[in-house]
Amino acid sequence: MEPTTRAVVDVTFMEMSRPPEGPARPLPPGWSIDRDIRPSVAFYRELYDRVGRDYCWWMRQVMPDTELADVLAEPGRSVSVLLENGRVRGFFELELPQEDLVNLGYFGLYPEAVGKGVGSAFLRAALDAAWESAPRAVRVNTCSADHPRALPAYKKAGFRIQCVVREAWDIPDRLGLQVPERLRG
């Protein structure tokens, strides 16, 4: 058995049943989005770790490379990156598990991009991309390990809470993630 640290988190499942209203706020000058890239497994792991390290994102880190490559190659899955003057500062991942539903599987900023006033514009861009295929709904989930502004940001964007589920995660210690004391179970 591999050494792990137990984290107990509340996962909030949310849904948006119509596209955001009004014009999108533009990204600040020097910021852009590279849409629907096809990242290598190594680059994807870097994106996932840089965004999620402080929030206990671990599930994709323990996937074998071949399994993660298969996930990234799935039809209907897209990864887009946020750039500041050409430097990566975040990413979002959309998945179309059903024709009438889009899941915002992952969304986040690198630590150095947090607090620069780009998050809401980047989220709106992700939502606009999600609604391009005219789905019945867009879903996302967040949890009590995520950035404290994640849940309020999703609510402000138009998501409504569907349910909250308590989960226990056994996070492998080898990943070097710091599980906050408030989540240790």
C-alpha atoms as a PDB file:
ATOM      1  CA  MET A   1       0.000   0.000   0.000  1.00  0.00           C
ATOM      2  CA  GLU A   2       1.246   3.403  -1.019  1.00  0.00           C
ATOM      3  CA  PRO A   3       1.373   6.087   1.729  1.00  0.00           C
ATOM      4  CA  THR A   4      -1.495   8.544   1.363  1.00  0.00           C
ATOM      5  CA  THR A   5      -3.061  11.484   3.143  1.00  0.00           C
ATOM      6  CA  ARG A   6      -6.834  11.471   3.491  1.00  0.00           C
ATOM      7  CA  ALA A   7      -8.720  14.590   2.437  1.00  0.00           C
ATOM      8  CA  VAL A   8     -12.449  14.969   3.028  1.00  0.00           C
ATOM      9  CA  VAL A   9     -14.019  17.412   0.595  1.00  0.00           C
ATOM     10  CA  ASP A  10     -17.478  18.642  -0.282  1.00  0.00           C
ATOM     11  CA  VAL A  11     -17.943  18.474  -4.056  1.00  0.00           C
ATOM     12  CA  THR A  12     -20.522  20.914  -5.421  1.00  0.00           C
ATOM     13  CA  PHE A  13     -22.117  19.894  -8.718  1.00  0.00           C
ATOM     14  CA  MET A  14     -23.488  22.817 -10.706  1.00  0.00           C
ATOM     15  CA  GLU A  15     -25.398  23.380 -13.937  1.00  0.00           C
ATOM     16  CA  MET A  16     -26.109  26.301 -16.239  1.00  0.00           C
ATOM     17  CA  SER A  17     -29.201  25.944 -18.418  1.00  0.00           C
ATOM     18  CA  ARG A  18     -28.698  28.943 -20.698  1.00  0.00           C
ATOM     19  CA  PRO A  19     -25.741  30.907 -22.038  1.00  0.00           C
ATOM     20  CA  PRO A  20     -24.490  33.963 -20.161  1.00  0.00           C
ATOM     21  CA  GLU A  21     -26.286  37.152 -21.101  1.00  0.00           C
ATOM     22  CA  GLY A  22     -24.717  40.352 -22.322  1.00  0.00           C
ATOM     23  CA  PRO A  23     -21.394  40.979 -23.952  1.00  0.00           C
ATOM     24  CA  ALA A  24     -18.308  39.242 -22.655  1.00  0.00           C
ATOM     25  CA  ARG A  25     -15.749  41.328 -20.803  1.00  0.00           C
ATOM     26  CA  PRO A  26     -12.567  41.293 -22.884  1.00  0.00           C
ATOM     27  CA  LEU A  27      -9.303  39.927 -21.599  1.00  0.00           C
ATOM     28  CA  PRO A  28      -6.853  42.623 -20.500  1.00  0.00           C
ATOM     29  CA  PRO A  29      -4.271  43.833 -23.037  1.00  0.00           C
ATOM     30  CA  GLY A  30      -1.503  41.267 -23.580  1.00  0.00           C
ATOM     31  CA  TRP A  31      -3.745  38.328 -22.626  1.00  0.00           C
ATOM     32  CA  SER A  32      -5.128  35.805 -25.115  1.00  0.00           C
ATOM     33  CA  ILE A  33      -6.510  32.287 -25.361  1.00  0.00           C
ATOM     34  CA  ASP A  34      -5.127  29.535 -27.556  1.00  0.00           C
ATOM     35  CA  ARG A  35      -8.204  27.393 -28.220  1.00  0.00           C
ATOM     36  CA  ASP A  36      -8.457  23.653 -28.616  1.00  0.00           C
ATOM     37  CA  ILE A  37      -4.797  22.762 -28.420  1.00  0.00           C
ATOM     38  CA  ARG A  38      -3.668  19.136 -28.443  1.00  0.00           C
ATOM     39  CA  PRO A  39      -1.255  19.029 -25.501  1.00  0.00           C
ATOM     40  CA  SER A  40       1.275  16.288 -25.000  1.00  0.00           C
ATOM     41  CA  VAL A  41       0.843  14.269 -21.818  1.00  0.00           C
ATOM     42  CA  ALA A  42       3.858  16.063 -20.295  1.00  0.00           C
ATOM     43  CA  PHE A  43       2.511  19.536 -21.121  1.00  0.00           C
ATOM     44  CA  TYR A  44      -0.945  18.615 -19.848  1.00  0.00           C
ATOM     45  CA  ARG A  45       0.539  17.358 -16.575  1.00  0.00           C
ATOM     46  CA  GLU A  46       2.362  20.696 -16.242  1.00  0.00           C
ATOM     47  CA  LEU A  47      -0.884  22.641 -16.813  1.00  0.00           C
ATOM     48  CA  TYR A  48      -2.775  20.457 -14.345  1.00  0.00           C
ATOM     49  CA  ASP A  49      -0.062  20.665 -11.685  1.00  0.00           C
ATOM     50  CA  ARG A  50       0.545  24.429 -12.001  1.00  0.00           C
ATOM     51  CA  VAL A  51      -3.158  25.213 -11.692  1.00  0.00           C
ATOM     52  CA  GLY A  52      -4.116  22.530  -9.208  1.00  0.00           C
ATOM     53  CA  ARG A  53      -1.130  21.970  -6.919  1.00  0.00           C
ATOM     54  CA  ASP A  54      -2.436  24.351  -4.247  1.00  0.00           C
ATOM     55  CA  TYR A  55      -5.934  22.814  -4.468  1.00  0.00           C
ATOM     56  CA  CYS A  56      -5.158  19.094  -4.172  1.00  0.00           C
ATOM     57  CA  TRP A  57      -5.726  18.273  -7.843  1.00  0.00           C
ATOM     58  CA  TRP A  58      -4.359  14.755  -7.891  1.00  0.00           C
ATOM     59  CA  MET A  59      -6.508  12.410  -9.965  1.00  0.00           C
ATOM     60  CA  ARG A  60      -4.925  13.091 -13.335  1.00  0.00           C
ATOM     61  CA  GLN A  61      -1.440  13.084 -11.761  1.00  0.00           C
ATOM     62  CA  VAL A  62      -1.742   9.393 -10.835  1.00  0.00           C
ATOM     63  CA  MET A  63      -3.066   8.265 -14.221  1.00  0.00           C
ATOM     64  CA  PRO A  64      -0.574   6.269 -16.268  1.00  0.00           C
ATOM     65  CA  ASP A  65       0.670   8.190 -19.322  1.00  0.00           C
ATOM     66  CA  THR A  66      -1.110   5.870 -21.765  1.00  0.00           C
ATOM     67  CA  GLU A  67      -4.442   6.272 -19.965  1.00  0.00           C
ATOM     68  CA  LEU A  68      -4.090  10.052 -19.807  1.00  0.00           C
ATOM     69  CA  ALA A  69      -3.142  10.147 -23.516  1.00  0.00           C
ATOM     70  CA  ASP A  70      -6.326   8.199 -24.295  1.00  0.00           C
ATOM     71  CA  VAL A  71      -8.412  10.656 -22.238  1.00  0.00           C
ATOM     72  CA  LEU A  72      -6.871  13.656 -23.989  1.00  0.00           C
ATOM     73  CA  ALA A  73      -7.533  12.064 -27.408  1.00  0.00           C
ATOM     74  CA  GLU A  74     -11.238  11.448 -26.726  1.00  0.00           C
ATOM     75  CA  PRO A  75     -13.584  12.947 -29.314  1.00  0.00           C
ATOM     76  CA  GLY A  76     -15.330  15.997 -27.945  1.00  0.00           C
ATOM     77  CA  ARG A  77     -12.580  16.872 -25.466  1.00  0.00           C
ATOM     78  CA  SER A  78     -10.765  20.165 -25.873  1.00  0.00           C
ATOM     79  CA  VAL A  79      -8.064  21.960 -23.923  1.00  0.00           C
ATOM     80  CA  SER A  80      -7.500  25.711 -24.223  1.00  0.00           C
ATOM     81  CA  VAL A  81      -4.754  27.754 -22.598  1.00  0.00           C
ATOM     82  CA  LEU A  82      -4.671  31.292 -21.253  1.00  0.00           C
ATOM     83  CA  LEU A  83      -1.609  33.290 -22.294  1.00  0.00           C
ATOM     84  CA  GLU A  84      -0.087  36.480 -20.927  1.00  0.00           C
ATOM     85  CA  ASN A  85       2.267  37.920 -23.531  1.00  0.00           C
ATOM     86  CA  GLY A  86       2.775  34.399 -24.865  1.00  0.00           C
ATOM     87  CA  ARG A  87       3.376  32.754 -21.461  1.00  0.00           C
ATOM     88  CA  VAL A  88       0.880  30.160 -20.235  1.00  0.00           C
ATOM     89  CA  ARG A  89      -1.142  31.371 -17.249  1.00  0.00           C
ATOM     90  CA  GLY A  90      -4.018  28.876 -17.035  1.00  0.00           C
ATOM     91  CA  PHE A  91      -6.233  26.432 -18.887  1.00  0.00           C
ATOM     92  CA  PHE A  92      -9.714  25.043 -19.261  1.00  0.00           C
ATOM     93  CA  GLU A  93     -10.878  21.672 -20.457  1.00  0.00           C
ATOM     94  CA  LEU A  94     -14.263  20.973 -22.019  1.00  0.00           C
ATOM     95  CA  GLU A  95     -15.772  17.543 -22.474  1.00  0.00           C
ATOM     96  CA  LEU A  96     -18.805  16.547 -24.485  1.00  0.00           C
ATOM     97  CA  PRO A  97     -19.801  13.258 -22.858  1.00  0.00           C
ATOM     98  CA  GLN A  98     -23.283  13.547 -24.424  1.00  0.00           C
ATOM     99  CA  GLU A  99     -24.437  15.525 -27.429  1.00  0.00           C
ATOM    100  CA  ASP A 100     -26.689  17.782 -25.373  1.00  0.00           C
ATOM    101  CA  LEU A 101     -24.401  18.388 -22.387  1.00  0.00           C
ATOM    102  CA  VAL A 102     -20.979  20.023 -22.000  1.00  0.00           C
ATOM    103  CA  ASN A 103     -18.851  19.589 -18.895  1.00  0.00           C
ATOM    104  CA  LEU A 104     -16.292  22.191 -17.894  1.00  0.00           C
ATOM    105  CA  GLY A 105     -13.990  19.482 -16.584  1.00  0.00           C
ATOM    106  CA  TYR A 106     -11.136  21.703 -15.443  1.00  0.00           C
ATOM    107  CA  PHE A 107     -10.690  25.449 -15.200  1.00  0.00           C
ATOM    108  CA  GLY A 108      -8.062  27.508 -13.449  1.00  0.00           C
ATOM    109  CA  LEU A 109      -5.240  29.993 -13.365  1.00  0.00           C
ATOM    110  CA  TYR A 110      -1.582  29.626 -12.506  1.00  0.00           C
ATOM    111  CA  PRO A 111      -0.812  31.138  -9.078  1.00  0.00           C
ATOM    112  CA  GLU A 112       0.933  34.136 -10.647  1.00  0.00           C
ATOM    113  CA  ALA A 113      -2.232  34.977 -12.642  1.00  0.00           C
ATOM    114  CA  VAL A 114      -4.605  34.928  -9.656  1.00  0.00           C
ATOM    115  CA  GLY A 115      -5.617  38.433  -8.595  1.00  0.00           C
ATOM    116  CA  LYS A 116      -4.745  40.092 -11.924  1.00  0.00           C
ATOM    117  CA  GLY A 117      -8.376  40.670 -12.911  1.00  0.00           C
ATOM    118  CA  VAL A 118      -8.414  38.080 -15.665  1.00  0.00           C
ATOM    119  CA  GLY A 119     -10.343  35.208 -14.051  1.00  0.00           C
ATOM    120  CA  SER A 120     -13.904  36.296 -14.837  1.00  0.00           C
ATOM    121  CA  ALA A 121     -13.074  37.137 -18.465  1.00  0.00           C
ATOM    122  CA  PHE A 122     -11.306  33.787 -18.853  1.00  0.00           C
ATOM    123  CA  LEU A 123     -14.267  31.941 -17.313  1.00  0.00           C
ATOM    124  CA  ARG A 124     -16.640  33.755 -19.673  1.00  0.00           C
ATOM    125  CA  ALA A 125     -14.468  32.706 -22.625  1.00  0.00           C
ATOM    126  CA  ALA A 126     -14.631  29.092 -21.408  1.00  0.00           C
ATOM    127  CA  LEU A 127     -18.416  29.330 -21.111  1.00  0.00           C
ATOM    128  CA  ASP A 128     -18.771  30.910 -24.543  1.00  0.00           C
ATOM    129  CA  ALA A 129     -16.715  28.008 -25.953  1.00  0.00           C
ATOM    130  CA  ALA A 130     -18.909  25.517 -24.074  1.00  0.00           C
ATOM    131  CA  TRP A 131     -22.098  27.002 -25.501  1.00  0.00           C
ATOM    132  CA  GLU A 132     -20.837  27.003 -29.116  1.00  0.00           C
ATOM    133  CA  SER A 133     -22.299  23.527 -29.706  1.00  0.00           C
ATOM    134  CA  ALA A 134     -25.738  24.668 -28.400  1.00  0.00           C
ATOM    135  CA  PRO A 135     -25.996  22.088 -25.605  1.00  0.00           C
ATOM    136  CA  ARG A 136     -29.005  21.654 -23.325  1.00  0.00           C
ATOM    137  CA  ALA A 137     -26.790  22.598 -20.366  1.00  0.00           C
ATOM    138  CA  VAL A 138     -23.231  23.180 -19.201  1.00  0.00           C
ATOM    139  CA  ARG A 139     -22.018  21.543 -16.019  1.00  0.00           C
ATOM    140  CA  VAL A 140     -19.099  22.111 -13.686  1.00  0.00           C
ATOM    141  CA  ASN A 141     -18.125  20.951 -10.247  1.00  0.00           C
ATOM    142  CA  THR A 142     -15.933  22.508  -7.618  1.00  0.00           C
ATOM    143  CA  CYS A 143     -14.960  21.383  -4.170  1.00  0.00           C
ATOM    144  CA  SER A 144     -13.946  22.661  -0.775  1.00  0.00           C
ATOM    145  CA  ALA A 145     -10.274  22.121  -1.713  1.00  0.00           C
ATOM    146  CA  ASP A 146     -10.511  24.590  -4.623  1.00  0.00           C
ATOM    147  CA  HIS A 147      -9.748  28.312  -4.489  1.00  0.00           C
ATOM    148  CA  PRO A 148     -12.276  30.002  -2.156  1.00  0.00           C
ATOM    149  CA  ARG A 149     -13.451  32.250  -5.016  1.00  0.00           C
ATOM    150  CA  ALA A 150     -14.282  29.311  -7.317  1.00  0.00           C
ATOM    151  CA  LEU A 151     -17.812  28.609  -6.061  1.00  0.00           C
ATOM    152  CA  PRO A 152     -18.848  32.303  -5.940  1.00  0.00           C
ATOM    153  CA  ALA A 153     -17.386  32.833  -9.432  1.00  0.00           C
ATOM    154  CA  TYR A 154     -19.380  29.938 -10.876  1.00  0.00           C
ATOM    155  CA  LYS A 155     -22.562  31.206  -9.201  1.00  0.00           C
ATOM    156  CA  LYS A 156     -21.974  34.719 -10.519  1.00  0.00           C
ATOM    157  CA  ALA A 157     -21.424  33.289 -14.019  1.00  0.00           C
ATOM    158  CA  GLY A 158     -24.878  31.701 -13.905  1.00  0.00           C
ATOM    159  CA  PHE A 159     -24.357  28.180 -12.568  1.00  0.00           C
ATOM    160  CA  ARG A 160     -26.878  26.803 -10.083  1.00  0.00           C
ATOM    161  CA  ILE A 161     -26.062  24.194  -7.451  1.00  0.00           C
ATOM    162  CA  GLN A 162     -27.548  20.777  -8.211  1.00  0.00           C
ATOM    163  CA  CYS A 163     -26.174  18.855  -5.234  1.00  0.00           C
ATOM    164  CA  VAL A 164     -23.261  18.630  -2.805  1.00  0.00           C
ATOM    165  CA  VAL A 165     -21.544  15.305  -2.108  1.00  0.00           C
ATOM    166  CA  ARG A 166     -18.954  14.615   0.577  1.00  0.00           C
ATOM    167  CA  GLU A 167     -16.012  12.568  -0.728  1.00  0.00           C
ATOM    168  CA  ALA A 168     -12.935  11.098   0.930  1.00  0.00           C
ATOM    169  CA  TRP A 169      -9.783  11.157  -1.167  1.00  0.00           C
ATOM    170  CA  ASP A 170      -6.643   9.203  -0.381  1.00  0.00           C
ATOM    171  CA  ILE A 171      -4.038  11.421  -2.023  1.00  0.00           C
ATOM    172  CA  PRO A 172      -0.696   9.706  -2.672  1.00  0.00           C
ATOM    173  CA  ASP A 173       2.048  11.349  -0.609  1.00  0.00           C
ATOM    174  CA  ARG A 174       4.515  10.906  -3.499  1.00  0.00           C
ATOM    175  CA  LEU A 175       2.766  13.775  -5.313  1.00  0.00           C
ATOM    176  CA  GLY A 176       3.983  16.233  -2.678  1.00  0.00           C
ATOM    177  CA  LEU A 177       0.613  17.965  -2.383  1.00  0.00           C
ATOM    178  CA  GLN A 178      -0.007  19.839   0.844  1.00  0.00           C
ATOM    179  CA  VAL A 179      -3.425  18.792   2.106  1.00  0.00           C
ATOM    180  CA  PRO A 180      -4.742  21.684   4.233  1.00  0.00           C
ATOM    181  CA  GLU A 181      -5.428  20.789   7.836  1.00  0.00           C
ATOM    182  CA  ARG A 182      -9.115  21.778   7.423  1.00  0.00           C
ATOM    183  CA  LEU A 183      -9.526  18.976   4.848  1.00  0.00           C
ATOM    184  CA  ARG A 184      -7.675  16.201   6.657  1.00  0.00           C
ATOM    185  CA  GLY A 185     -10.005  13.410   7.623  1.00  0.00           C
END
